[in-house]
Amino acid sequence: MFCTLADLDQDKLSRIQAWEEKNGSTVLAFSCSDIQAAVLDQTGLDDLQGIEKELGLSLVAVKA
């Protein structure tokens, strides 16, 4: 399972924002999909981590 920040329509966003205002907290909304991580050998993992550091991002390799 893999989760990312949800792409909210205006109605969902408005409902969440109303809750945030009422409760004084910020909400992060996630949407999840049934995606499995790829199995990497040490070289592939090292290369991917090098790209992460270089780009300042978090990357996840998944099965295609």
PDB file of N, CA and C in Angstrom:
ATOM      1  N   MET A   1       0.852  -1.169   0.000  1.00  0.00           N
ATOM      2  CA  MET A   1       0.000   0.000   0.000  1.00  0.00           C
ATOM      3  C   MET A   1       0.899   1.232   0.000  1.00  0.00           C
ATOM      4  N   PHE A   2       0.516   2.200  -0.809  1.00  0.00           N
ATOM      5  CA  PHE A   2       1.281   3.432  -0.954  1.00  0.00           C
ATOM      6  C   PHE A   2       0.324   4.608  -0.859  1.00  0.00           C
ATOM      7  N   CYS A   3       0.672   5.595  -0.058  1.00  0.00           N
ATOM      8  CA  CYS A   3      -0.197   6.756   0.147  1.00  0.00           C
ATOM      9  C   CYS A   3       0.504   8.037  -0.300  1.00  0.00           C
ATOM     10  N   THR A   4      -0.278   8.924  -0.893  1.00  0.00           N
ATOM     11  CA  THR A   4       0.212  10.241  -1.290  1.00  0.00           C
ATOM     12  C   THR A   4      -0.789  11.291  -0.805  1.00  0.00           C
ATOM     13  N   LEU A   5      -0.391  12.547  -0.861  1.00  0.00           N
ATOM     14  CA  LEU A   5      -1.331  13.609  -0.524  1.00  0.00           C
ATOM     15  C   LEU A   5      -2.502  13.555  -1.492  1.00  0.00           C
ATOM     16  N   ALA A   6      -3.708  13.653  -0.962  1.00  0.00           N
ATOM     17  CA  ALA A   6      -4.918  13.525  -1.766  1.00  0.00           C
ATOM     18  C   ALA A   6      -5.153  14.760  -2.634  1.00  0.00           C
ATOM     19  N   ASP A   7      -5.710  14.523  -3.799  1.00  0.00           N
ATOM     20  CA  ASP A   7      -6.151  15.590  -4.696  1.00  0.00           C
ATOM     21  C   ASP A   7      -7.628  15.827  -4.386  1.00  0.00           C
ATOM     22  N   LEU A   8      -7.922  16.895  -3.655  1.00  0.00           N
ATOM     23  CA  LEU A   8      -9.268  17.132  -3.136  1.00  0.00           C
ATOM     24  C   LEU A   8     -10.075  18.039  -4.051  1.00  0.00           C
ATOM     25  N   ASP A   9     -11.354  17.710  -4.231  1.00  0.00           N
ATOM     26  CA  ASP A   9     -12.238  18.641  -4.932  1.00  0.00           C
ATOM     27  C   ASP A   9     -12.617  19.757  -3.950  1.00  0.00           C
ATOM     28  N   GLN A  10     -13.252  20.793  -4.447  1.00  0.00           N
ATOM     29  CA  GLN A  10     -13.538  21.974  -3.625  1.00  0.00           C
ATOM     30  C   GLN A  10     -14.431  21.652  -2.430  1.00  0.00           C
ATOM     31  N   ASP A  11     -15.406  20.754  -2.604  1.00  0.00           N
ATOM     32  CA  ASP A  11     -16.307  20.400  -1.510  1.00  0.00           C
ATOM     33  C   ASP A  11     -15.542  19.729  -0.370  1.00  0.00           C
ATOM     34  N   LYS A  12     -14.707  18.768  -0.702  1.00  0.00           N
ATOM     35  CA  LYS A  12     -13.928  18.079   0.336  1.00  0.00           C
ATOM     36  C   LYS A  12     -12.959  19.036   1.015  1.00  0.00           C
ATOM     37  N   LEU A  13     -12.308  19.879   0.213  1.00  0.00           N
ATOM     38  CA  LEU A  13     -11.372  20.852   0.764  1.00  0.00           C
ATOM     39  C   LEU A  13     -12.083  21.815   1.712  1.00  0.00           C
ATOM     40  N   SER A  14     -13.263  22.294   1.334  1.00  0.00           N
ATOM     41  CA  SER A  14     -14.019  23.218   2.185  1.00  0.00           C
ATOM     42  C   SER A  14     -14.408  22.569   3.509  1.00  0.00           C
ATOM     43  N   ARG A  15     -14.837  21.317   3.457  1.00  0.00           N
ATOM     44  CA  ARG A  15     -15.220  20.609   4.689  1.00  0.00           C
ATOM     45  C   ARG A  15     -14.032  20.452   5.625  1.00  0.00           C
ATOM     46  N   ILE A  16     -12.885  20.125   5.062  1.00  0.00           N
ATOM     47  CA  ILE A  16     -11.684  19.961   5.890  1.00  0.00           C
ATOM     48  C   ILE A  16     -11.252  21.308   6.458  1.00  0.00           C
ATOM     49  N   GLN A  17     -11.283  22.349   5.643  1.00  0.00           N
ATOM     50  CA  GLN A  17     -10.893  23.678   6.115  1.00  0.00           C
ATOM     51  C   GLN A  17     -11.810  24.171   7.227  1.00  0.00           C
ATOM     52  N   ALA A  18     -13.090  23.875   7.123  1.00  0.00           N
ATOM     53  CA  ALA A  18     -14.026  24.256   8.186  1.00  0.00           C
ATOM     54  C   ALA A  18     -13.665  23.554   9.486  1.00  0.00           C
ATOM     55  N   TRP A  19     -13.329  22.269   9.400  1.00  0.00           N
ATOM     56  CA  TRP A  19     -12.924  21.528  10.595  1.00  0.00           C
ATOM     57  C   TRP A  19     -11.643  22.121  11.169  1.00  0.00           C
ATOM     58  N   GLU A  20     -10.688  22.464  10.298  1.00  0.00           N
ATOM     59  CA  GLU A  20      -9.428  23.047  10.759  1.00  0.00           C
ATOM     60  C   GLU A  20      -9.674  24.345  11.522  1.00  0.00           C
ATOM     61  N   GLU A  21     -10.521  25.211  10.977  1.00  0.00           N
ATOM     62  CA  GLU A  21     -10.820  26.493  11.628  1.00  0.00           C
ATOM     63  C   GLU A  21     -11.487  26.269  12.981  1.00  0.00           C
ATOM     64  N   LYS A  22     -12.413  25.341  13.037  1.00  0.00           N
ATOM     65  CA  LYS A  22     -13.139  25.056  14.272  1.00  0.00           C
ATOM     66  C   LYS A  22     -12.225  24.477  15.342  1.00  0.00           C
ATOM     67  N   ASN A  23     -11.271  23.638  14.943  1.00  0.00           N
ATOM     68  CA  ASN A  23     -10.447  22.910  15.903  1.00  0.00           C
ATOM     69  C   ASN A  23      -9.033  23.444  16.078  1.00  0.00           C
ATOM     70  N   GLY A  24      -8.635  24.410  15.260  1.00  0.00           N
ATOM     71  CA  GLY A  24      -7.313  25.013  15.410  1.00  0.00           C
ATOM     72  C   GLY A  24      -6.165  24.075  15.073  1.00  0.00           C
ATOM     73  N   SER A  25      -6.414  23.105  14.221  1.00  0.00           N
ATOM     74  CA  SER A  25      -5.374  22.162  13.800  1.00  0.00           C
ATOM     75  C   SER A  25      -5.333  22.108  12.279  1.00  0.00           C
ATOM     76  N   THR A  26      -4.181  21.711  11.753  1.00  0.00           N
ATOM     77  CA  THR A  26      -4.029  21.517  10.316  1.00  0.00           C
ATOM     78  C   THR A  26      -4.179  20.037  10.008  1.00  0.00           C
ATOM     79  N   VAL A  27      -4.861  19.723   8.914  1.00  0.00           N
ATOM     80  CA  VAL A  27      -5.103  18.337   8.506  1.00  0.00           C
ATOM     81  C   VAL A  27      -4.365  18.078   7.196  1.00  0.00           C
ATOM     82  N   LEU A  28      -3.707  16.945   7.113  1.00  0.00           N
ATOM     83  CA  LEU A  28      -3.136  16.463   5.858  1.00  0.00           C
ATOM     84  C   LEU A  28      -4.013  15.316   5.378  1.00  0.00           C
ATOM     85  N   ALA A  29      -4.473  15.381   4.140  1.00  0.00           N
ATOM     86  CA  ALA A  29      -5.346  14.342   3.582  1.00  0.00           C
ATOM     87  C   ALA A  29      -4.524  13.441   2.658  1.00  0.00           C
ATOM     88  N   PHE A  30      -4.626  12.138   2.866  1.00  0.00           N
ATOM     89  CA  PHE A  30      -3.894  11.164   2.070  1.00  0.00           C
ATOM     90  C   PHE A  30      -4.859  10.272   1.304  1.00  0.00           C
ATOM     91  N   SER A  31      -4.419   9.840   0.151  1.00  0.00           N
ATOM     92  CA  SER A  31      -5.138   8.864  -0.658  1.00  0.00           C
ATOM     93  C   SER A  31      -4.195   7.683  -0.858  1.00  0.00           C
ATOM     94  N   CYS A  32      -4.697   6.460  -0.663  1.00  0.00           N
ATOM     95  CA  CYS A  32      -3.833   5.283  -0.720  1.00  0.00           C
ATOM     96  C   CYS A  32      -4.208   4.380  -1.888  1.00  0.00           C
ATOM     97  N   SER A  33      -3.206   3.720  -2.440  1.00  0.00           N
ATOM     98  CA  SER A  33      -3.384   2.781  -3.544  1.00  0.00           C
ATOM     99  C   SER A  33      -2.667   1.482  -3.205  1.00  0.00           C
ATOM    100  N   ASP A  34      -3.138   0.404  -3.809  1.00  0.00           N
ATOM    101  CA  ASP A  34      -2.535  -0.900  -3.577  1.00  0.00           C
ATOM    102  C   ASP A  34      -1.359  -1.102  -4.534  1.00  0.00           C
ATOM    103  N   ILE A  35      -0.249  -0.438  -4.232  1.00  0.00           N
ATOM    104  CA  ILE A  35       0.972  -0.512  -5.031  1.00  0.00           C
ATOM    105  C   ILE A  35       2.055  -1.123  -4.145  1.00  0.00           C
ATOM    106  N   GLN A  36       2.843  -2.014  -4.718  1.00  0.00           N
ATOM    107  CA  GLN A  36       3.891  -2.653  -3.944  1.00  0.00           C
ATOM    108  C   GLN A  36       5.253  -2.062  -4.301  1.00  0.00           C
ATOM    109  N   ALA A  37       6.098  -1.968  -3.304  1.00  0.00           N
ATOM    110  CA  ALA A  37       7.449  -1.453  -3.514  1.00  0.00           C
ATOM    111  C   ALA A  37       8.265  -2.438  -4.342  1.00  0.00           C
ATOM    112  N   ALA A  38       9.154  -1.916  -5.156  1.00  0.00           N
ATOM    113  CA  ALA A  38      10.065  -2.746  -5.936  1.00  0.00           C
ATOM    114  C   ALA A  38      11.159  -3.279  -5.011  1.00  0.00           C
ATOM    115  N   VAL A  39      11.668  -4.447  -5.327  1.00  0.00           N
ATOM    116  CA  VAL A  39      12.796  -5.014  -4.593  1.00  0.00           C
ATOM    117  C   VAL A  39      14.065  -4.576  -5.313  1.00  0.00           C
ATOM    118  N   LEU A  40      14.930  -3.856  -4.612  1.00  0.00           N
ATOM    119  CA  LEU A  40      16.164  -3.328  -5.199  1.00  0.00           C
ATOM    120  C   LEU A  40      17.374  -4.057  -4.634  1.00  0.00           C
ATOM    121  N   ASP A  41      18.376  -4.255  -5.481  1.00  0.00           N
ATOM    122  CA  ASP A  41      19.646  -4.759  -4.961  1.00  0.00           C
ATOM    123  C   ASP A  41      20.390  -3.574  -4.341  1.00  0.00           C
ATOM    124  N   GLN A  42      21.501  -3.831  -3.690  1.00  0.00           N
ATOM    125  CA  GLN A  42      22.211  -2.773  -2.968  1.00  0.00           C
ATOM    126  C   GLN A  42      22.660  -1.654  -3.904  1.00  0.00           C
ATOM    127  N   THR A  43      23.089  -2.004  -5.111  1.00  0.00           N
ATOM    128  CA  THR A  43      23.528  -0.982  -6.063  1.00  0.00           C
ATOM    129  C   THR A  43      22.363  -0.079  -6.467  1.00  0.00           C
ATOM    130  N   GLY A  44      21.213  -0.687  -6.758  1.00  0.00           N
ATOM    131  CA  GLY A  44      20.040   0.099  -7.120  1.00  0.00           C
ATOM    132  C   GLY A  44      19.595   1.004  -5.987  1.00  0.00           C
ATOM    133  N   LEU A  45      19.631   0.477  -4.754  1.00  0.00           N
ATOM    134  CA  LEU A  45      19.256   1.272  -3.581  1.00  0.00           C
ATOM    135  C   LEU A  45      20.219   2.432  -3.383  1.00  0.00           C
ATOM    136  N   ASP A  46      21.506   2.150  -3.478  1.00  0.00           N
ATOM    137  CA  ASP A  46      22.512   3.214  -3.325  1.00  0.00           C
ATOM    138  C   ASP A  46      22.321   4.303  -4.378  1.00  0.00           C
ATOM    139  N   ASP A  47      22.083   3.887  -5.632  1.00  0.00           N
ATOM    140  CA  ASP A  47      21.872   4.855  -6.709  1.00  0.00           C
ATOM    141  C   ASP A  47      20.649   5.724  -6.446  1.00  0.00           C
ATOM    142  N   LEU A  48      19.548   5.085  -6.025  1.00  0.00           N
ATOM    143  CA  LEU A  48      18.313   5.826  -5.753  1.00  0.00           C
ATOM    144  C   LEU A  48      18.504   6.801  -4.591  1.00  0.00           C
ATOM    145  N   GLN A  49      19.192   6.356  -3.550  1.00  0.00           N
ATOM    146  CA  GLN A  49      19.444   7.248  -2.414  1.00  0.00           C
ATOM    147  C   GLN A  49      20.342   8.411  -2.818  1.00  0.00           C
ATOM    148  N   GLY A  50      21.276   8.173  -3.737  1.00  0.00           N
ATOM    149  CA  GLY A  50      22.122   9.259  -4.242  1.00  0.00           C
ATOM    150  C   GLY A  50      21.295  10.306  -4.974  1.00  0.00           C
ATOM    151  N   ILE A  51      20.336   9.844  -5.785  1.00  0.00           N
ATOM    152  CA  ILE A  51      19.455  10.770  -6.496  1.00  0.00           C
ATOM    153  C   ILE A  51      18.592  11.549  -5.497  1.00  0.00           C
ATOM    154  N   GLU A  52      18.096  10.873  -4.454  1.00  0.00           N
ATOM    155  CA  GLU A  52      17.310  11.551  -3.419  1.00  0.00           C
ATOM    156  C   GLU A  52      18.098  12.694  -2.807  1.00  0.00           C
ATOM    157  N   LYS A  53      19.329  12.426  -2.423  1.00  0.00           N
ATOM    158  CA  LYS A  53      20.166  13.456  -1.801  1.00  0.00           C
ATOM    159  C   LYS A  53      20.441  14.591  -2.771  1.00  0.00           C
ATOM    160  N   GLU A  54      20.725  14.249  -4.006  1.00  0.00           N
ATOM    161  CA  GLU A  54      21.040  15.236  -5.029  1.00  0.00           C
ATOM    162  C   GLU A  54      19.854  16.167  -5.307  1.00  0.00           C
ATOM    163  N   LEU A  55      18.650  15.577  -5.354  1.00  0.00           N
ATOM    164  CA  LEU A  55      17.461  16.357  -5.698  1.00  0.00           C
ATOM    165  C   LEU A  55      16.702  16.900  -4.493  1.00  0.00           C
ATOM    166  N   GLY A  56      17.038  16.434  -3.283  1.00  0.00           N
ATOM    167  CA  GLY A  56      16.327  16.881  -2.089  1.00  0.00           C
ATOM    168  C   GLY A  56      14.904  16.352  -2.046  1.00  0.00           C
ATOM    169  N   LEU A  57      14.706  15.112  -2.533  1.00  0.00           N
ATOM    170  CA  LEU A  57      13.381  14.501  -2.583  1.00  0.00           C
ATOM    171  C   LEU A  57      13.392  13.133  -1.901  1.00  0.00           C
ATOM    172  N   SER A  58      12.222  12.631  -1.596  1.00  0.00           N
ATOM    173  CA  SER A  58      12.068  11.247  -1.151  1.00  0.00           C
ATOM    174  C   SER A  58      11.472  10.479  -2.325  1.00  0.00           C
ATOM    175  N   LEU A  59      12.162   9.425  -2.751  1.00  0.00           N
ATOM    176  CA  LEU A  59      11.730   8.640  -3.904  1.00  0.00           C
ATOM    177  C   LEU A  59      11.364   7.238  -3.468  1.00  0.00           C
ATOM    178  N   VAL A  60      10.371   6.641  -4.118  1.00  0.00           N
ATOM    179  CA  VAL A  60       9.938   5.287  -3.841  1.00  0.00           C
ATOM    180  C   VAL A  60       9.885   4.520  -5.146  1.00  0.00           C
ATOM    181  N   ALA A  61      10.624   3.424  -5.245  1.00  0.00           N
ATOM    182  CA  ALA A  61      10.576   2.574  -6.436  1.00  0.00           C
ATOM    183  C   ALA A  61       9.434   1.573  -6.245  1.00  0.00           C
ATOM    184  N   VAL A  62       8.571   1.461  -7.258  1.00  0.00           N
ATOM    185  CA  VAL A  62       7.422   0.557  -7.170  1.00  0.00           C
ATOM    186  C   VAL A  62       7.451  -0.428  -8.334  1.00  0.00           C
ATOM    187  N   LYS A  63       6.727  -1.532  -8.155  1.00  0.00           N
ATOM    188  CA  LYS A  63       6.592  -2.515  -9.230  1.00  0.00           C
ATOM    189  C   LYS A  63       5.721  -1.923 -10.328  1.00  0.00           C
ATOM    190  N   ALA A  64       6.168  -2.068 -11.557  1.00  0.00           N
ATOM    191  CA  ALA A  64       5.416  -1.513 -12.695  1.00  0.00           C
ATOM    192  C   ALA A  64       4.267  -2.407 -13.094  1.00  0.00           C
TER     193      ALA A  64
END
